[in-house]
């Protein structure tokens, strides 16, 4: 890995369909998403996935708290509001919209 590129075997494993399925299954669990977002607090998409997983597992208040924390952090640290998609997800959770039902 002296060239700065990962070895070819890593690229094959990373791009295999099985590894993508495994990652999706892993990251759809609220506890795993919490760990990931704790390590990557600025990842808006991951925060949305955590909110959705919490909401779908009957933890609506926790999902709303995640949004509140994320929004406050972005406002304080970056002077920004969350993006449109995350704001819409927040509104849907508030309204308990049917579009958020488990697939």
PDB file of N, CA and C in Angstrom:
ATOM      1  N   UNK A   1       0.812  -1.172   0.000  1.00  0.00           N
ATOM      2  CA  UNK A   1       0.000   0.000   0.000  1.00  0.00           C
ATOM      3  C   UNK A   1       0.869   1.253   0.000  1.00  0.00           C
ATOM      4  N   UNK A   2       2.073   1.157  -0.461  1.00  0.00           N
ATOM      5  CA  UNK A   2       2.988   2.289  -0.497  1.00  0.00           C
ATOM      6  C   UNK A   2       2.526   3.365  -1.464  1.00  0.00           C
ATOM      7  N   UNK A   3       1.759   2.995  -2.496  1.00  0.00           N
ATOM      8  CA  UNK A   3       1.297   3.970  -3.484  1.00  0.00           C
ATOM      9  C   UNK A   3       0.135   4.803  -2.964  1.00  0.00           C
ATOM     10  N   UNK A   4      -0.380   4.490  -1.797  1.00  0.00           N
ATOM     11  CA  UNK A   4      -1.524   5.203  -1.264  1.00  0.00           C
ATOM     12  C   UNK A   4      -2.848   4.590  -1.675  1.00  0.00           C
ATOM     13  N   UNK A   5      -2.798   3.566  -2.513  1.00  0.00           N
ATOM     14  CA  UNK A   5      -4.005   2.881  -2.948  1.00  0.00           C
ATOM     15  C   UNK A   5      -4.172   1.590  -2.163  1.00  0.00           C
ATOM     16  N   UNK A   6      -5.410   1.196  -1.885  1.00  0.00           N
ATOM     17  CA  UNK A   6      -5.603  -0.067  -1.183  1.00  0.00           C
ATOM     18  C   UNK A   6      -5.250  -1.235  -2.082  1.00  0.00           C
ATOM     19  N   UNK A   7      -4.888  -2.367  -1.503  1.00  0.00           N
ATOM     20  CA  UNK A   7      -4.577  -3.542  -2.315  1.00  0.00           C
ATOM     21  C   UNK A   7      -5.792  -3.983  -3.115  1.00  0.00           C
ATOM     22  N   UNK A   8      -5.560  -4.640  -4.228  1.00  0.00           N
ATOM     23  CA  UNK A   8      -6.641  -5.074  -5.124  1.00  0.00           C
ATOM     24  C   UNK A   8      -7.633  -5.980  -4.398  1.00  0.00           C
ATOM     25  N   UNK A   9      -7.140  -6.842  -3.508  1.00  0.00           N
ATOM     26  CA  UNK A   9      -8.044  -7.739  -2.803  1.00  0.00           C
ATOM     27  C   UNK A   9      -9.034  -6.954  -1.944  1.00  0.00           C
ATOM     28  N   UNK A  10      -8.597  -5.845  -1.380  1.00  0.00           N
ATOM     29  CA  UNK A  10      -9.491  -5.007  -0.587  1.00  0.00           C
ATOM     30  C   UNK A  10     -10.588  -4.425  -1.471  1.00  0.00           C
ATOM     31  N   UNK A  11     -10.226  -3.938  -2.642  1.00  0.00           N
ATOM     32  CA  UNK A  11     -11.208  -3.359  -3.557  1.00  0.00           C
ATOM     33  C   UNK A  11     -12.243  -4.388  -3.980  1.00  0.00           C
ATOM     34  N   UNK A  12     -11.809  -5.614  -4.243  1.00  0.00           N
ATOM     35  CA  UNK A  12     -12.760  -6.658  -4.631  1.00  0.00           C
ATOM     36  C   UNK A  12     -13.718  -6.960  -3.486  1.00  0.00           C
ATOM     37  N   UNK A  13     -13.193  -7.069  -2.270  1.00  0.00           N
ATOM     38  CA  UNK A  13     -14.057  -7.350  -1.121  1.00  0.00           C
ATOM     39  C   UNK A  13     -15.016  -6.198  -0.862  1.00  0.00           C
ATOM     40  N   UNK A  14     -14.522  -4.991  -0.942  1.00  0.00           N
ATOM     41  CA  UNK A  14     -15.326  -3.823  -0.639  1.00  0.00           C
ATOM     42  C   UNK A  14     -16.459  -3.650  -1.632  1.00  0.00           C
ATOM     43  N   UNK A  15     -16.249  -4.015  -2.870  1.00  0.00           N
ATOM     44  CA  UNK A  15     -17.257  -3.823  -3.905  1.00  0.00           C
ATOM     45  C   UNK A  15     -18.131  -5.046  -4.146  1.00  0.00           C
ATOM     46  N   UNK A  16     -17.932  -6.096  -3.373  1.00  0.00           N
ATOM     47  CA  UNK A  16     -18.741  -7.293  -3.595  1.00  0.00           C
ATOM     48  C   UNK A  16     -20.155  -7.067  -3.073  1.00  0.00           C
ATOM     49  N   UNK A  17     -21.162  -7.654  -3.747  1.00  0.00           N
ATOM     50  CA  UNK A  17     -22.548  -7.485  -3.304  1.00  0.00           C
ATOM     51  C   UNK A  17     -22.786  -7.970  -1.883  1.00  0.00           C
ATOM     52  N   UNK A  18     -22.113  -9.032  -1.487  1.00  0.00           N
ATOM     53  CA  UNK A  18     -22.308  -9.558  -0.145  1.00  0.00           C
ATOM     54  C   UNK A  18     -21.897  -8.537   0.906  1.00  0.00           C
ATOM     55  N   UNK A  19     -20.769  -7.882   0.686  1.00  0.00           N
ATOM     56  CA  UNK A  19     -20.326  -6.922   1.685  1.00  0.00           C
ATOM     57  C   UNK A  19     -21.280  -5.739   1.753  1.00  0.00           C
ATOM     58  N   UNK A  20     -21.867  -5.326   0.649  1.00  0.00           N
ATOM     59  CA  UNK A  20     -22.834  -4.223   0.671  1.00  0.00           C
ATOM     60  C   UNK A  20     -24.087  -4.627   1.431  1.00  0.00           C
ATOM     61  N   UNK A  21     -24.550  -5.850   1.220  1.00  0.00           N
ATOM     62  CA  UNK A  21     -25.721  -6.343   1.946  1.00  0.00           C
ATOM     63  C   UNK A  21     -25.413  -6.417   3.435  1.00  0.00           C
ATOM     64  N   UNK A  22     -24.244  -6.908   3.780  1.00  0.00           N
ATOM     65  CA  UNK A  22     -23.853  -7.013   5.179  1.00  0.00           C
ATOM     66  C   UNK A  22     -23.790  -5.639   5.825  1.00  0.00           C
ATOM     67  N   UNK A  23     -23.235  -4.679   5.127  1.00  0.00           N
ATOM     68  CA  UNK A  23     -23.134  -3.323   5.663  1.00  0.00           C
ATOM     69  C   UNK A  23     -24.519  -2.719   5.858  1.00  0.00           C
ATOM     70  N   UNK A  24     -25.392  -2.891   4.886  1.00  0.00           N
ATOM     71  CA  UNK A  24     -26.750  -2.347   5.002  1.00  0.00           C
ATOM     72  C   UNK A  24     -27.469  -2.990   6.187  1.00  0.00           C
ATOM     73  N   UNK A  25     -27.360  -4.300   6.340  1.00  0.00           N
ATOM     74  CA  UNK A  25     -28.009  -4.987   7.463  1.00  0.00           C
ATOM     75  C   UNK A  25     -27.439  -4.492   8.790  1.00  0.00           C
ATOM     76  N   UNK A  26     -26.138  -4.311   8.833  1.00  0.00           N
ATOM     77  CA  UNK A  26     -25.475  -3.827  10.040  1.00  0.00           C
ATOM     78  C   UNK A  26     -25.934  -2.413  10.380  1.00  0.00           C
ATOM     79  N   UNK A  27     -25.940  -1.548   9.397  1.00  0.00           N
ATOM     80  CA  UNK A  27     -26.247  -0.147   9.641  1.00  0.00           C
ATOM     81  C   UNK A  27     -27.732   0.146   9.802  1.00  0.00           C
ATOM     82  N   UNK A  28     -28.587  -0.838   9.568  1.00  0.00           N
ATOM     83  CA  UNK A  28     -30.011  -0.591   9.757  1.00  0.00           C
ATOM     84  C   UNK A  28     -30.413  -0.779  11.216  1.00  0.00           C
ATOM     85  N   UNK A  29     -29.504  -1.198  12.049  1.00  0.00           N
ATOM     86  CA  UNK A  29     -29.778  -1.410  13.465  1.00  0.00           C
ATOM     87  C   UNK A  29     -29.474  -0.122  14.230  1.00  0.00           C
ATOM     88  N   UNK A  30     -30.411   0.357  15.067  1.00  0.00           N
ATOM     89  CA  UNK A  30     -30.200   1.628  15.769  1.00  0.00           C
ATOM     90  C   UNK A  30     -28.893   1.699  16.555  1.00  0.00           C
ATOM     91  N   UNK A  31     -28.513   0.631  17.248  1.00  0.00           N
ATOM     92  CA  UNK A  31     -27.297   0.692  18.053  1.00  0.00           C
ATOM     93  C   UNK A  31     -26.063   0.888  17.174  1.00  0.00           C
ATOM     94  N   UNK A  32     -26.037   0.227  16.039  1.00  0.00           N
ATOM     95  CA  UNK A  32     -24.898   0.367  15.121  1.00  0.00           C
ATOM     96  C   UNK A  32     -24.862   1.768  14.522  1.00  0.00           C
ATOM     97  N   UNK A  33     -26.021   2.273  14.187  1.00  0.00           N
ATOM     98  CA  UNK A  33     -26.097   3.632  13.648  1.00  0.00           C
ATOM     99  C   UNK A  33     -25.675   4.655  14.691  1.00  0.00           C
ATOM    100  N   UNK A  34     -26.037   4.413  15.935  1.00  0.00           N
ATOM    101  CA  UNK A  34     -25.615   5.335  17.004  1.00  0.00           C
ATOM    102  C   UNK A  34     -24.097   5.378  17.117  1.00  0.00           C
ATOM    103  N   UNK A  35     -23.482   4.216  17.057  1.00  0.00           N
ATOM    104  CA  UNK A  35     -22.023   4.161  17.126  1.00  0.00           C
ATOM    105  C   UNK A  35     -21.394   4.880  15.940  1.00  0.00           C
ATOM    106  N   UNK A  36     -21.942   4.634  14.752  1.00  0.00           N
ATOM    107  CA  UNK A  36     -21.400   5.261  13.547  1.00  0.00           C
ATOM    108  C   UNK A  36     -21.556   6.777  13.607  1.00  0.00           C
ATOM    109  N   UNK A  37     -22.736   7.263  13.990  1.00  0.00           N
ATOM    110  CA  UNK A  37     -22.941   8.712  14.031  1.00  0.00           C
ATOM    111  C   UNK A  37     -22.149   9.368  15.161  1.00  0.00           C
ATOM    112  N   UNK A  38     -21.849   8.619  16.212  1.00  0.00           N
ATOM    113  CA  UNK A  38     -20.995   9.165  17.270  1.00  0.00           C
ATOM    114  C   UNK A  38     -19.584   9.404  16.748  1.00  0.00           C
ATOM    115  N   UNK A  39     -19.126   8.509  15.893  1.00  0.00           N
ATOM    116  CA  UNK A  39     -17.791   8.656  15.309  1.00  0.00           C
ATOM    117  C   UNK A  39     -17.770   9.647  14.147  1.00  0.00           C
ATOM    118  N   UNK A  40     -18.909   9.839  13.499  1.00  0.00           N
ATOM    119  CA  UNK A  40     -19.016  10.724  12.331  1.00  0.00           C
ATOM    120  C   UNK A  40     -20.205  11.672  12.526  1.00  0.00           C
ATOM    121  N   UNK A  41     -20.085  12.612  13.466  1.00  0.00           N
ATOM    122  CA  UNK A  41     -21.244  13.438  13.824  1.00  0.00           C
ATOM    123  C   UNK A  41     -21.728  14.381  12.731  1.00  0.00           C
ATOM    124  N   UNK A  42     -20.953  14.610  11.707  1.00  0.00           N
ATOM    125  CA  UNK A  42     -21.357  15.557  10.655  1.00  0.00           C
ATOM    126  C   UNK A  42     -21.994  14.854   9.466  1.00  0.00           C
ATOM    127  N   UNK A  43     -22.154  13.541   9.515  1.00  0.00           N
ATOM    128  CA  UNK A  43     -22.762  12.788   8.418  1.00  0.00           C
ATOM    129  C   UNK A  43     -24.274  12.899   8.488  1.00  0.00           C
ATOM    130  N   UNK A  44     -24.819  13.763   7.695  1.00  0.00           N
ATOM    131  CA  UNK A  44     -26.253  14.049   7.725  1.00  0.00           C
ATOM    132  C   UNK A  44     -27.084  12.835   7.312  1.00  0.00           C
ATOM    133  N   UNK A  45     -26.646  12.120   6.293  1.00  0.00           N
ATOM    134  CA  UNK A  45     -27.398  10.952   5.827  1.00  0.00           C
ATOM    135  C   UNK A  45     -27.457   9.876   6.911  1.00  0.00           C
ATOM    136  N   UNK A  46     -26.335   9.642   7.567  1.00  0.00           N
ATOM    137  CA  UNK A  46     -26.302   8.640   8.636  1.00  0.00           C
ATOM    138  C   UNK A  46     -27.217   9.053   9.788  1.00  0.00           C
ATOM    139  N   UNK A  47     -27.259  10.339  10.078  1.00  0.00           N
ATOM    140  CA  UNK A  47     -28.150  10.829  11.127  1.00  0.00           C
ATOM    141  C   UNK A  47     -29.602  10.573  10.745  1.00  0.00           C
ATOM    142  N   UNK A  48     -29.942  10.788   9.490  1.00  0.00           N
ATOM    143  CA  UNK A  48     -31.293  10.507   9.008  1.00  0.00           C
ATOM    144  C   UNK A  48     -31.624   9.031   9.107  1.00  0.00           C
ATOM    145  N   UNK A  49     -30.665   8.177   8.788  1.00  0.00           N
ATOM    146  CA  UNK A  49     -30.888   6.739   8.882  1.00  0.00           C
ATOM    147  C   UNK A  49     -31.107   6.315  10.329  1.00  0.00           C
ATOM    148  N   UNK A  50     -30.362   6.931  11.242  1.00  0.00           N
ATOM    149  CA  UNK A  50     -30.554   6.646  12.662  1.00  0.00           C
ATOM    150  C   UNK A  50     -31.938   7.084  13.107  1.00  0.00           C
ATOM    151  N   UNK A  51     -32.352   8.273  12.701  1.00  0.00           N
ATOM    152  CA  UNK A  51     -33.680   8.764  13.056  1.00  0.00           C
ATOM    153  C   UNK A  51     -34.763   7.811  12.544  1.00  0.00           C
ATOM    154  N   UNK A  52     -34.612   7.374  11.309  1.00  0.00           N
ATOM    155  CA  UNK A  52     -35.591   6.475  10.710  1.00  0.00           C
ATOM    156  C   UNK A  52     -35.625   5.125  11.430  1.00  0.00           C
ATOM    157  N   UNK A  53     -34.452   4.582  11.741  1.00  0.00           N
ATOM    158  CA  UNK A  53     -34.392   3.295  12.449  1.00  0.00           C
ATOM    159  C   UNK A  53     -35.024   3.406  13.837  1.00  0.00           C
ATOM    160  N   UNK A  54     -34.758   4.496  14.529  1.00  0.00           N
ATOM    161  CA  UNK A  54     -35.359   4.691  15.847  1.00  0.00           C
ATOM    162  C   UNK A  54     -36.874   4.813  15.737  1.00  0.00           C
ATOM    163  N   UNK A  55     -37.331   5.602  14.781  1.00  0.00           N
ATOM    164  CA  UNK A  55     -38.765   5.776  14.586  1.00  0.00           C
ATOM    165  C   UNK A  55     -39.441   4.446  14.271  1.00  0.00           C
ATOM    166  N   UNK A  56     -38.841   3.671  13.388  1.00  0.00           N
ATOM    167  CA  UNK A  56     -39.428   2.390  12.992  1.00  0.00           C
ATOM    168  C   UNK A  56     -39.411   1.364  14.119  1.00  0.00           C
ATOM    169  N   UNK A  57     -38.539   1.554  15.088  1.00  0.00           N
ATOM    170  CA  UNK A  57     -38.503   0.623  16.218  1.00  0.00           C
ATOM    171  C   UNK A  57     -39.330   1.137  17.397  1.00  0.00           C
ATOM    172  N   UNK A  58     -40.185   2.129  17.122  1.00  0.00           N
ATOM    173  CA  UNK A  58     -41.093   2.632  18.137  1.00  0.00           C
ATOM    174  C   UNK A  58     -40.492   3.643  19.092  1.00  0.00           C
ATOM    175  N   UNK A  59     -39.353   4.203  18.730  1.00  0.00           N
ATOM    176  CA  UNK A  59     -38.663   5.154  19.604  1.00  0.00           C
ATOM    177  C   UNK A  59     -38.701   6.552  18.985  1.00  0.00           C
ATOM    178  N   UNK A  60     -39.907   7.045  18.773  1.00  0.00           N
ATOM    179  CA  UNK A  60     -40.124   8.336  18.115  1.00  0.00           C
ATOM    180  C   UNK A  60     -39.438   9.481  18.870  1.00  0.00           C
ATOM    181  N   UNK A  61     -39.567   9.519  20.181  1.00  0.00           N
ATOM    182  CA  UNK A  61     -38.954  10.587  20.977  1.00  0.00           C
ATOM    183  C   UNK A  61     -37.433  10.594  20.810  1.00  0.00           C
ATOM    184  N   UNK A  62     -36.834   9.404  20.762  1.00  0.00           N
ATOM    185  CA  UNK A  62     -35.388   9.316  20.563  1.00  0.00           C
ATOM    186  C   UNK A  62     -35.002   9.832  19.181  1.00  0.00           C
ATOM    187  N   UNK A  63     -35.810   9.502  18.174  1.00  0.00           N
ATOM    188  CA  UNK A  63     -35.542   9.981  16.816  1.00  0.00           C
ATOM    189  C   UNK A  63     -35.587  11.506  16.758  1.00  0.00           C
ATOM    190  N   UNK A  64     -36.565  12.087  17.418  1.00  0.00           N
ATOM    191  CA  UNK A  64     -36.677  13.547  17.448  1.00  0.00           C
ATOM    192  C   UNK A  64     -35.529  14.178  18.234  1.00  0.00           C
ATOM    193  N   UNK A  65     -35.081  13.503  19.290  1.00  0.00           N
ATOM    194  CA  UNK A  65     -33.946  14.007  20.074  1.00  0.00           C
ATOM    195  C   UNK A  65     -32.662  13.988  19.249  1.00  0.00           C
ATOM    196  N   UNK A  66     -32.492  12.972  18.424  1.00  0.00           N
ATOM    197  CA  UNK A  66     -31.316  12.899  17.546  1.00  0.00           C
ATOM    198  C   UNK A  66     -31.299  14.106  16.602  1.00  0.00           C
ATOM    199  N   UNK A  67     -32.461  14.423  16.041  1.00  0.00           N
ATOM    200  CA  UNK A  67     -32.549  15.577  15.140  1.00  0.00           C
ATOM    201  C   UNK A  67     -32.208  16.865  15.891  1.00  0.00           C
ATOM    202  N   UNK A  68     -32.762  17.026  17.072  1.00  0.00           N
ATOM    203  CA  UNK A  68     -32.524  18.234  17.852  1.00  0.00           C
ATOM    204  C   UNK A  68     -31.040  18.412  18.163  1.00  0.00           C
ATOM    205  N   UNK A  69     -30.395  17.329  18.561  1.00  0.00           N
ATOM    206  CA  UNK A  69     -28.961  17.373  18.864  1.00  0.00           C
ATOM    207  C   UNK A  69     -28.148  17.711  17.624  1.00  0.00           C
ATOM    208  N   UNK A  70     -28.484  17.055  16.509  1.00  0.00           N
ATOM    209  CA  UNK A  70     -27.776  17.289  15.247  1.00  0.00           C
ATOM    210  C   UNK A  70     -27.954  18.743  14.800  1.00  0.00           C
ATOM    211  N   UNK A  71     -29.179  19.221  14.860  1.00  0.00           N
ATOM    212  CA  UNK A  71     -29.481  20.590  14.430  1.00  0.00           C
ATOM    213  C   UNK A  71     -28.722  21.610  15.285  1.00  0.00           C
ATOM    214  N   UNK A  72     -28.710  21.395  16.585  1.00  0.00           N
ATOM    215  CA  UNK A  72     -27.990  22.300  17.485  1.00  0.00           C
ATOM    216  C   UNK A  72     -26.494  22.303  17.200  1.00  0.00           C
ATOM    217  N   UNK A  73     -25.936  21.118  16.982  1.00  0.00           N
ATOM    218  CA  UNK A  73     -24.501  21.013  16.697  1.00  0.00           C
ATOM    219  C   UNK A  73     -24.150  21.728  15.403  1.00  0.00           C
ATOM    220  N   UNK A  74     -24.948  21.510  14.373  1.00  0.00           N
ATOM    221  CA  UNK A  74     -24.680  22.172  13.089  1.00  0.00           C
ATOM    222  C   UNK A  74     -24.798  23.682  13.226  1.00  0.00           C
ATOM    223  N   UNK A  75     -25.800  24.143  13.971  1.00  0.00           N
ATOM    224  CA  UNK A  75     -25.989  25.581  14.135  1.00  0.00           C
ATOM    225  C   UNK A  75     -24.833  26.199  14.912  1.00  0.00           C
ATOM    226  N   UNK A  76     -24.426  25.552  16.000  1.00  0.00           N
ATOM    227  CA  UNK A  76     -23.340  26.093  16.837  1.00  0.00           C
ATOM    228  C   UNK A  76     -21.977  26.018  16.157  1.00  0.00           C
ATOM    229  N   UNK A  77     -21.681  24.859  15.590  1.00  0.00           N
ATOM    230  CA  UNK A  77     -20.345  24.629  15.040  1.00  0.00           C
ATOM    231  C   UNK A  77     -20.157  25.154  13.621  1.00  0.00           C
ATOM    232  N   UNK A  78     -21.202  25.045  12.811  1.00  0.00           N
ATOM    233  CA  UNK A  78     -21.057  25.385  11.390  1.00  0.00           C
ATOM    234  C   UNK A  78     -21.886  26.586  10.961  1.00  0.00           C
ATOM    235  N   UNK A  79     -22.823  26.982  11.803  1.00  0.00           N
ATOM    236  CA  UNK A  79     -23.709  28.077  11.430  1.00  0.00           C
ATOM    237  C   UNK A  79     -24.675  27.686  10.322  1.00  0.00           C
ATOM    238  N   UNK A  80     -25.015  26.395  10.256  1.00  0.00           N
ATOM    239  CA  UNK A  80     -25.886  25.887   9.194  1.00  0.00           C
ATOM    240  C   UNK A  80     -27.095  25.177   9.785  1.00  0.00           C
ATOM    241  N   UNK A  81     -28.130  25.086   8.979  1.00  0.00           N
ATOM    242  CA  UNK A  81     -29.278  24.252   9.309  1.00  0.00           C
ATOM    243  C   UNK A  81     -29.117  22.920   8.589  1.00  0.00           C
ATOM    244  N   UNK A  82     -29.769  21.876   9.094  1.00  0.00           N
ATOM    245  CA  UNK A  82     -29.735  20.599   8.369  1.00  0.00           C
ATOM    246  C   UNK A  82     -30.316  20.766   6.965  1.00  0.00           C
ATOM    247  N   UNK A  83     -29.932  19.876   6.078  1.00  0.00           N
ATOM    248  CA  UNK A  83     -30.411  19.919   4.705  1.00  0.00           C
ATOM    249  C   UNK A  83     -31.898  19.623   4.605  1.00  0.00           C
ATOM    250  N   UNK A  84     -32.421  19.880   3.435  1.00  0.00           N
ATOM    251  CA  UNK A  84     -33.849  19.729   3.178  1.00  0.00           C
ATOM    252  C   UNK A  84     -34.339  18.310   3.484  1.00  0.00           C
ATOM    253  N   UNK A  85     -33.601  17.298   3.060  1.00  0.00           N
ATOM    254  CA  UNK A  85     -34.032  15.908   3.270  1.00  0.00           C
ATOM    255  C   UNK A  85     -34.171  15.574   4.751  1.00  0.00           C
ATOM    256  N   UNK A  86     -33.211  16.006   5.553  1.00  0.00           N
ATOM    257  CA  UNK A  86     -33.278  15.719   6.983  1.00  0.00           C
ATOM    258  C   UNK A  86     -34.412  16.516   7.633  1.00  0.00           C
ATOM    259  N   UNK A  87     -34.620  17.735   7.208  1.00  0.00           N
ATOM    260  CA  UNK A  87     -35.730  18.525   7.730  1.00  0.00           C
ATOM    261  C   UNK A  87     -37.074  17.873   7.387  1.00  0.00           C
ATOM    262  N   UNK A  88     -37.198  17.365   6.170  1.00  0.00           N
ATOM    263  CA  UNK A  88     -38.440  16.704   5.763  1.00  0.00           C
ATOM    264  C   UNK A  88     -38.668  15.419   6.570  1.00  0.00           C
ATOM    265  N   UNK A  89     -37.593  14.668   6.807  1.00  0.00           N
ATOM    266  CA  UNK A  89     -37.712  13.458   7.621  1.00  0.00           C
ATOM    267  C   UNK A  89     -38.189  13.829   9.027  1.00  0.00           C
ATOM    268  N   UNK A  90     -37.624  14.875   9.579  1.00  0.00           N
ATOM    269  CA  UNK A  90     -38.034  15.344  10.901  1.00  0.00           C
ATOM    270  C   UNK A  90     -39.522  15.683  10.909  1.00  0.00           C
ATOM    271  N   UNK A  91     -39.972  16.391   9.912  1.00  0.00           N
ATOM    272  CA  UNK A  91     -41.394  16.753   9.827  1.00  0.00           C
ATOM    273  C   UNK A  91     -42.281  15.518   9.687  1.00  0.00           C
ATOM    274  N   UNK A  92     -41.829  14.531   8.917  1.00  0.00           N
ATOM    275  CA  UNK A  92     -42.602  13.309   8.756  1.00  0.00           C
ATOM    276  C   UNK A  92     -42.688  12.523  10.063  1.00  0.00           C
ATOM    277  N   UNK A  93     -41.598  12.511  10.812  1.00  0.00           N
ATOM    278  CA  UNK A  93     -41.614  11.826  12.104  1.00  0.00           C
ATOM    279  C   UNK A  93     -42.553  12.559  13.066  1.00  0.00           C
ATOM    280  N   UNK A  94     -42.502  13.888  13.050  1.00  0.00           N
ATOM    281  CA  UNK A  94     -43.415  14.660  13.893  1.00  0.00           C
ATOM    282  C   UNK A  94     -44.877  14.354  13.569  1.00  0.00           C
ATOM    283  N   UNK A  95     -45.163  14.224  12.267  1.00  0.00           N
ATOM    284  CA  UNK A  95     -46.531  13.965  11.832  1.00  0.00           C
ATOM    285  C   UNK A  95     -46.873  12.479  11.842  1.00  0.00           C
ATOM    286  N   UNK A  96     -45.900  11.641  12.186  1.00  0.00           N
ATOM    287  CA  UNK A  96     -46.065  10.175  12.161  1.00  0.00           C
ATOM    288  C   UNK A  96     -46.610   9.733  10.810  1.00  0.00           C
ATOM    289  N   UNK A  97     -45.980  10.239   9.755  1.00  0.00           N
ATOM    290  CA  UNK A  97     -46.418   9.949   8.394  1.00  0.00           C
ATOM    291  C   UNK A  97     -46.324   8.481   8.021  1.00  0.00           C
ATOM    292  N   UNK A  98     -47.292   7.993   7.220  1.00  0.00           N
ATOM    293  CA  UNK A  98     -47.287   6.585   6.800  1.00  0.00           C
ATOM    294  C   UNK A  98     -46.140   6.249   5.853  1.00  0.00           C
ATOM    295  N   UNK A  99     -45.522   7.249   5.259  1.00  0.00           N
ATOM    296  CA  UNK A  99     -44.422   6.999   4.336  1.00  0.00           C
ATOM    297  C   UNK A  99     -43.206   6.427   5.067  1.00  0.00           C
ATOM    298  N   UNK A 100     -43.184   6.532   6.380  1.00  0.00           N
ATOM    299  CA  UNK A 100     -42.032   6.060   7.147  1.00  0.00           C
ATOM    300  C   UNK A 100     -42.198   4.634   7.644  1.00  0.00           C
ATOM    301  N   UNK A 101     -43.267   3.979   7.279  1.00  0.00           N
ATOM    302  CA  UNK A 101     -43.486   2.594   7.704  1.00  0.00           C
ATOM    303  C   UNK A 101     -42.356   1.712   7.205  1.00  0.00           C
ATOM    304  N   UNK A 102     -42.089   0.647   7.909  1.00  0.00           N
ATOM    305  CA  UNK A 102     -41.013  -0.279   7.518  1.00  0.00           C
ATOM    306  C   UNK A 102     -41.304  -0.828   6.126  1.00  0.00           C
ATOM    307  N   UNK A 103     -40.239  -1.014   5.334  1.00  0.00           N
ATOM    308  CA  UNK A 103     -40.421  -1.534   3.974  1.00  0.00           C
ATOM    309  C   UNK A 103     -40.902  -2.968   3.962  1.00  0.00           C
TER     310      UNK A 103
END
